[in-house]
Protein backbone atom coordinates (compact mmCIF):
# COMPACT_ATOMS: atom_id res chain seq x y z
CA MET A 1 148.99 122.42 27.75
CA ARG A 2 148.56 119.97 30.61
CA ARG A 3 146.84 116.68 29.96
CA PHE A 4 144.87 114.96 32.62
CA ALA A 5 144.21 111.24 33.03
CA ALA A 6 141.21 109.94 34.91
CA ILE A 7 139.94 106.45 35.46
CA TYR A 8 136.42 106.08 36.72
CA VAL A 9 135.87 102.86 38.67
CA VAL A 10 132.38 101.41 38.92
CA LEU A 11 131.32 98.87 41.55
CA ALA A 12 127.97 97.19 42.11
CA LEU A 13 126.13 96.26 45.29
CA ALA A 14 122.64 94.90 45.85
CA VAL A 15 120.52 95.54 48.90
CA LEU A 16 117.79 92.95 48.82
CA SER A 17 114.68 92.29 50.83
CA ALA A 18 114.42 88.67 49.65
CA GLY A 19 116.72 86.08 48.12
CA GLY A 20 120.46 86.54 47.95
CA VAL A 21 123.08 88.65 46.27
CA TRP A 22 123.59 87.69 42.64
CA ASP A 23 127.18 87.50 41.42
CA PRO A 24 127.77 90.97 39.86
CA SER A 25 130.65 89.92 37.65
CA PRO A 26 130.37 90.80 33.96
CA ALA A 27 130.56 87.11 33.00
CA VAL A 28 127.08 86.51 34.44
CA ALA A 29 125.49 89.84 33.57
CA ASP A 30 123.53 88.33 30.69
CA LYS A 31 122.08 85.42 32.69
CA PRO A 32 118.81 85.71 34.60
CA PRO A 33 118.99 85.28 38.36
CA PRO A 34 118.01 81.91 39.80
CA SER A 35 114.40 81.61 40.98
CA GLY A 36 113.81 83.32 44.30
CA THR A 37 116.56 85.93 43.98
CA TYR A 38 116.93 89.48 42.80
CA ALA A 39 119.99 90.88 41.10
CA ILE A 40 121.86 94.01 40.20
CA THR A 41 124.65 93.72 37.65
CA VAL A 42 127.04 96.16 36.04
CA ASP A 43 128.46 95.34 32.60
CA THR A 44 131.89 96.77 33.37
CA ILE A 45 133.89 97.42 36.50
CA ALA A 46 136.00 100.30 35.16
CA VAL A 47 135.39 103.22 32.84
CA ASP A 48 138.54 104.87 31.50
CA PHE A 49 138.28 108.46 30.29
CA GLY A 50 141.86 108.27 28.99
CA MET A 51 144.01 111.38 28.63
CA LEU A 52 142.00 114.56 29.08
CA ASP A 53 142.68 118.19 28.29
CA PRO A 54 141.44 120.69 30.90
CA GLU A 55 138.14 122.54 30.37
CA ILE A 56 137.01 120.25 27.52
CA ASP A 57 133.98 117.97 27.86
CA VAL A 58 134.82 114.32 27.31
CA VAL A 59 131.68 112.27 26.70
CA LEU A 60 131.55 108.49 27.05
CA PRO A 61 128.21 107.34 25.63
CA ALA A 62 126.83 104.05 26.98
CA ALA A 63 129.78 103.82 29.37
CA VAL A 64 127.98 101.57 31.87
CA THR A 65 124.81 99.50 31.82
CA VAL A 66 123.27 98.64 35.18
CA THR A 67 120.67 95.86 35.09
CA VAL A 68 118.19 95.12 37.86
CA ALA A 69 116.51 91.72 37.56
CA GLY A 70 113.96 89.63 39.42
CA PHE A 71 111.29 87.03 38.98
CA LYS A 72 107.94 88.23 40.31
CA ILE A 73 105.35 90.50 38.71
CA GLY A 74 104.32 93.45 40.87
CA ASP A 75 107.65 93.94 42.64
CA THR A 76 108.76 97.53 43.22
CA TYR A 77 112.33 98.72 43.68
CA ASP A 78 114.35 101.92 43.90
CA LEU A 79 117.68 102.29 42.11
CA SER A 80 120.17 104.77 43.53
CA TYR A 81 123.92 105.31 43.80
CA THR A 82 126.60 106.60 46.14
CA ALA A 83 129.89 107.98 44.85
CA THR A 84 133.25 109.10 46.17
CA ASP A 85 135.21 112.11 44.99
CA PHE A 86 138.04 111.50 42.51
CA THR A 87 141.35 110.96 44.27
CA CYS A 88 144.93 110.82 43.02
CA SER A 89 147.37 108.65 44.95
CA ASP A 90 150.47 110.40 43.55
CA PRO A 91 152.07 112.13 46.59
CA THR A 92 153.57 114.87 44.40
CA VAL A 93 150.26 116.36 43.23
CA THR A 94 148.98 119.46 44.98
CA THR A 95 145.35 118.60 44.12
CA PRO A 96 144.83 115.05 45.38
CA VAL A 97 141.00 115.33 45.43
CA MET A 98 138.66 116.43 42.65
CA PRO A 99 134.91 116.67 43.40
CA ILE A 100 132.74 113.97 41.84
CA ASP A 101 130.35 116.69 40.64
CA ASP A 102 132.87 117.60 37.92
CA MET A 103 131.37 114.55 36.22
CA ARG A 104 127.83 114.43 34.83
CA TYR A 105 125.64 111.50 33.84
CA ALA A 106 122.53 110.88 31.78
CA VAL A 107 120.48 107.68 31.77
CA SER A 108 118.56 105.98 28.96
CA GLY A 109 117.02 102.55 28.61
CA ASP A 110 114.19 101.58 30.93
CA ALA A 111 114.33 105.03 32.55
CA VAL A 112 115.33 108.41 31.20
CA VAL A 113 117.28 110.80 33.40
CA PRO A 114 118.48 114.04 31.76
CA GLU A 115 122.11 115.03 32.18
CA THR A 116 122.84 115.96 35.78
CA ALA A 117 125.92 116.40 37.96
CA MET A 118 127.03 113.30 39.83
CA GLY A 119 126.87 113.85 43.58
CA ALA A 120 127.82 111.90 46.67
CA ALA A 121 124.46 110.13 46.40
CA GLY A 122 121.58 110.17 43.97
CA PHE A 123 118.27 108.59 43.08
CA ILE A 124 117.88 107.07 39.59
CA ASP A 125 114.48 105.40 39.33
CA THR A 126 111.55 103.64 40.98
CA GLN A 127 110.20 100.74 38.97
CA ASP A 128 106.99 98.75 39.39
CA THR A 129 107.61 95.48 37.58
CA VAL A 130 104.99 94.44 35.05
CA LYS A 131 106.17 90.98 34.02
CA ASN A 132 107.63 87.80 35.47
CA ASN A 133 111.38 87.22 35.08
CA TRP A 134 112.02 90.93 34.55
CA ASN A 135 115.18 92.79 33.61
CA TYR A 136 115.44 96.58 33.59
CA ASP A 137 118.48 98.19 31.96
CA TYR A 138 119.86 101.62 32.82
CA VAL A 139 122.43 102.88 30.30
CA PHE A 140 124.69 105.61 31.70
CA ASP A 141 126.45 108.21 29.55
CA PHE A 142 129.22 110.02 31.43
CA THR A 143 130.70 113.46 30.77
CA LEU A 144 133.79 114.75 32.54
CA ASN A 145 135.21 118.25 32.36
CA VAL A 146 138.38 118.75 34.36
CA PRO A 147 139.03 122.30 35.62
CA PHE A 148 142.43 123.90 34.89
CA ASP A 149 143.36 124.00 38.57
CA TYR A 150 144.00 120.23 38.91
CA ASP A 151 147.42 118.64 38.56
CA ALA A 152 147.92 116.02 35.87
CA GLY A 153 147.64 112.49 37.22
CA ILE A 154 145.48 109.41 37.42
CA TYR A 155 142.36 110.10 39.44
CA THR A 156 139.85 107.41 40.44
CA ALA A 157 136.37 107.43 41.95
CA ASP A 158 134.03 104.69 43.11
CA VAL A 159 130.32 104.47 42.39
CA VAL A 160 128.10 101.92 44.14
CA TYR A 161 124.69 101.22 42.61
CA THR A 162 121.99 99.97 44.99
CA ALA A 163 118.61 98.44 44.27
CA VAL A 164 116.20 98.25 47.20
CA LEU A 165 113.17 96.02 46.79
CA TYR A 166 110.03 96.86 48.76
């Protein structure tokens, strides 16, 4: 039986209408943004699914927490993502690309999104803030099921989370 290794890489990006970009490194993820700024943070930069057997769901509960933070009551933002397909840099594999929709996600925390296939882009939530100095957490569970037709190897994908304030 072939085993399959996949590493899922997560990156964060903020698109802001006011203030500046908050440092998204995990070391500052638990600190509120300075006054006058908005932030998006991700608690990890890589999610490792480890060695996988084909056609078996591997579930990583609470794999990533994305936090959107700000300082003013009544702000509204949209949280979305863009993602790349999984790629394998090993030149000997005959399947160097695996579609990102082989992975599924579900969200809990300040929004609930039922399990759905990851796509090239997706909408997560719109939030109308109801307090000053707010933080909204989105906890992502990931599920990956690798089809039999992919060569064994290390496959990576990038996900960029975006919060747009309006």
